[in-house]
Amino acid sequence: MATTVSSRKATFYGRSRSMLWTKGETSNNFINVHDIFLDCDRDSIIYLGKPDGPTCHTGSETCYYTPAFDLLENQQVFSI
């Protein structure tokens, strides 16, 4: 979170990369962070920000466009 606070760009730890990465470092579609919220236990974080462009590698505005309940109704199997 320290990198996000100092740069005001959304930065994440990527398990597949095993490193911190800033969203947009290759696409230039940065997420400009306006505020950060912590839950009561301080073990989860929400960034409030505005993206410079599409945030999904597919070109979609967001990666979150698949409703989980739709998958369940269609009997598709998924794991979280």
C-alpha atoms as a PDB file:
ATOM      1  CA  MET A   1       0.000   0.000   0.000  1.00  0.00           C
ATOM      2  CA  ALA A   2       2.950   2.348   0.618  1.00  0.00           C
ATOM      3  CA  THR A   3       3.751   2.488  -3.102  1.00  0.00           C
ATOM      4  CA  THR A   4       0.125   3.320  -3.928  1.00  0.00           C
ATOM      5  CA  VAL A   5       0.045   6.076  -1.308  1.00  0.00           C
ATOM      6  CA  SER A   6       3.272   7.677  -2.532  1.00  0.00           C
ATOM      7  CA  SER A   7       2.544   7.375  -6.273  1.00  0.00           C
ATOM      8  CA  ARG A   8      -1.283   7.680  -6.165  1.00  0.00           C
ATOM      9  CA  LYS A   9      -1.312   4.841  -8.742  1.00  0.00           C
ATOM     10  CA  ALA A  10      -2.941   1.471  -7.884  1.00  0.00           C
ATOM     11  CA  THR A  11      -0.186  -0.987  -7.051  1.00  0.00           C
ATOM     12  CA  PHE A  12      -0.751  -4.671  -6.306  1.00  0.00           C
ATOM     13  CA  TYR A  13       1.192  -7.766  -5.371  1.00  0.00           C
ATOM     14  CA  GLY A  14       0.915 -10.194  -8.248  1.00  0.00           C
ATOM     15  CA  ARG A  15       1.133 -13.825  -7.170  1.00  0.00           C
ATOM     16  CA  SER A  16       1.878 -14.987 -10.710  1.00  0.00           C
ATOM     17  CA  ARG A  17       4.641 -12.379 -10.991  1.00  0.00           C
ATOM     18  CA  SER A  18       5.811 -12.748  -7.378  1.00  0.00           C
ATOM     19  CA  MET A  19       6.331  -9.004  -7.222  1.00  0.00           C
ATOM     20  CA  LEU A  20       4.643  -5.626  -6.843  1.00  0.00           C
ATOM     21  CA  TRP A  21       3.299  -4.147 -10.038  1.00  0.00           C
ATOM     22  CA  THR A  22       1.565  -0.891 -10.833  1.00  0.00           C
ATOM     23  CA  LYS A  23      -1.553  -1.222 -12.966  1.00  0.00           C
ATOM     24  CA  GLY A  24      -0.783   0.488 -16.247  1.00  0.00           C
ATOM     25  CA  GLU A  25       2.977   0.106 -16.243  1.00  0.00           C
ATOM     26  CA  THR A  26       2.812  -1.669 -19.614  1.00  0.00           C
ATOM     27  CA  SER A  27      -0.550  -0.443 -21.005  1.00  0.00           C
ATOM     28  CA  ASN A  28      -0.437   3.151 -19.696  1.00  0.00           C
ATOM     29  CA  ASN A  29      -3.976   2.556 -18.382  1.00  0.00           C
ATOM     30  CA  PHE A  30      -3.103   3.546 -14.829  1.00  0.00           C
ATOM     31  CA  ILE A  31      -5.667   3.657 -12.023  1.00  0.00           C
ATOM     32  CA  ASN A  32      -5.303   7.066 -10.347  1.00  0.00           C
ATOM     33  CA  VAL A  33      -6.145   6.510  -6.677  1.00  0.00           C
ATOM     34  CA  HIS A  34      -8.241   9.214  -5.002  1.00  0.00           C
ATOM     35  CA  ASP A  35      -8.846   7.458  -1.682  1.00  0.00           C
ATOM     36  CA  ILE A  36      -8.083   4.222   0.131  1.00  0.00           C
ATOM     37  CA  PHE A  37     -10.419   2.501   2.579  1.00  0.00           C
ATOM     38  CA  LEU A  38      -9.479  -0.151   5.122  1.00  0.00           C
ATOM     39  CA  ASP A  39     -11.954  -2.495   6.756  1.00  0.00           C
ATOM     40  CA  CYS A  40     -12.395  -2.584  10.553  1.00  0.00           C
ATOM     41  CA  ASP A  41      -9.812  -5.374  10.951  1.00  0.00           C
ATOM     42  CA  ARG A  42      -7.429  -3.641   8.546  1.00  0.00           C
ATOM     43  CA  ASP A  43      -6.966  -6.825   6.576  1.00  0.00           C
ATOM     44  CA  SER A  44      -8.612  -5.745   3.321  1.00  0.00           C
ATOM     45  CA  ILE A  45      -8.276  -2.621   1.195  1.00  0.00           C
ATOM     46  CA  ILE A  46     -10.473  -0.836  -1.331  1.00  0.00           C
ATOM     47  CA  TYR A  47      -8.962   1.681  -3.727  1.00  0.00           C
ATOM     48  CA  LEU A  48     -11.243   4.420  -5.017  1.00  0.00           C
ATOM     49  CA  GLY A  49      -9.798   5.622  -8.274  1.00  0.00           C
ATOM     50  CA  LYS A  50     -10.298   6.631 -11.860  1.00  0.00           C
ATOM     51  CA  PRO A  51      -8.661   4.626 -14.632  1.00  0.00           C
ATOM     52  CA  ASP A  52      -6.898   6.259 -17.575  1.00  0.00           C
ATOM     53  CA  GLY A  53      -8.440   3.665 -19.905  1.00  0.00           C
ATOM     54  CA  PRO A  54      -9.682   0.084 -19.940  1.00  0.00           C
ATOM     55  CA  THR A  55      -8.510  -1.791 -16.847  1.00  0.00           C
ATOM     56  CA  CYS A  56      -8.847  -5.340 -18.228  1.00  0.00           C
ATOM     57  CA  HIS A  57      -6.249  -6.940 -20.502  1.00  0.00           C
ATOM     58  CA  THR A  58      -9.183  -7.944 -22.758  1.00  0.00           C
ATOM     59  CA  GLY A  59      -9.878  -4.279 -23.478  1.00  0.00           C
ATOM     60  CA  SER A  60     -13.002  -4.207 -21.300  1.00  0.00           C
ATOM     61  CA  GLU A  61     -13.612  -1.284 -18.990  1.00  0.00           C
ATOM     62  CA  THR A  62     -13.310  -3.675 -16.031  1.00  0.00           C
ATOM     63  CA  CYS A  63     -12.311  -7.293 -15.403  1.00  0.00           C
ATOM     64  CA  TYR A  64     -15.396  -7.776 -13.230  1.00  0.00           C
ATOM     65  CA  TYR A  65     -18.141  -8.435 -15.756  1.00  0.00           C
ATOM     66  CA  THR A  66     -19.030 -12.082 -15.009  1.00  0.00           C
ATOM     67  CA  PRO A  67     -21.792 -12.424 -12.380  1.00  0.00           C
ATOM     68  CA  ALA A  68     -21.095 -15.441 -10.132  1.00  0.00           C
ATOM     69  CA  PHE A  69     -24.803 -16.185  -9.695  1.00  0.00           C
ATOM     70  CA  ASP A  70     -25.200 -16.426 -13.479  1.00  0.00           C
ATOM     71  CA  LEU A  71     -22.458 -19.064 -13.541  1.00  0.00           C
ATOM     72  CA  LEU A  72     -24.218 -21.034 -10.811  1.00  0.00           C
ATOM     73  CA  GLU A  73     -27.575 -20.877 -12.598  1.00  0.00           C
ATOM     74  CA  ASN A  74     -25.939 -22.157 -15.784  1.00  0.00           C
ATOM     75  CA  GLN A  75     -24.254 -24.988 -13.842  1.00  0.00           C
ATOM     76  CA  GLN A  76     -20.775 -23.814 -14.747  1.00  0.00           C
ATOM     77  CA  VAL A  77     -18.128 -24.809 -12.246  1.00  0.00           C
ATOM     78  CA  PHE A  78     -15.703 -22.270 -10.896  1.00  0.00           C
ATOM     79  CA  SER A  79     -13.381 -21.971  -7.923  1.00  0.00           C
ATOM     80  CA  ILE A  80     -12.548 -18.985  -5.811  1.00  0.00           C
END
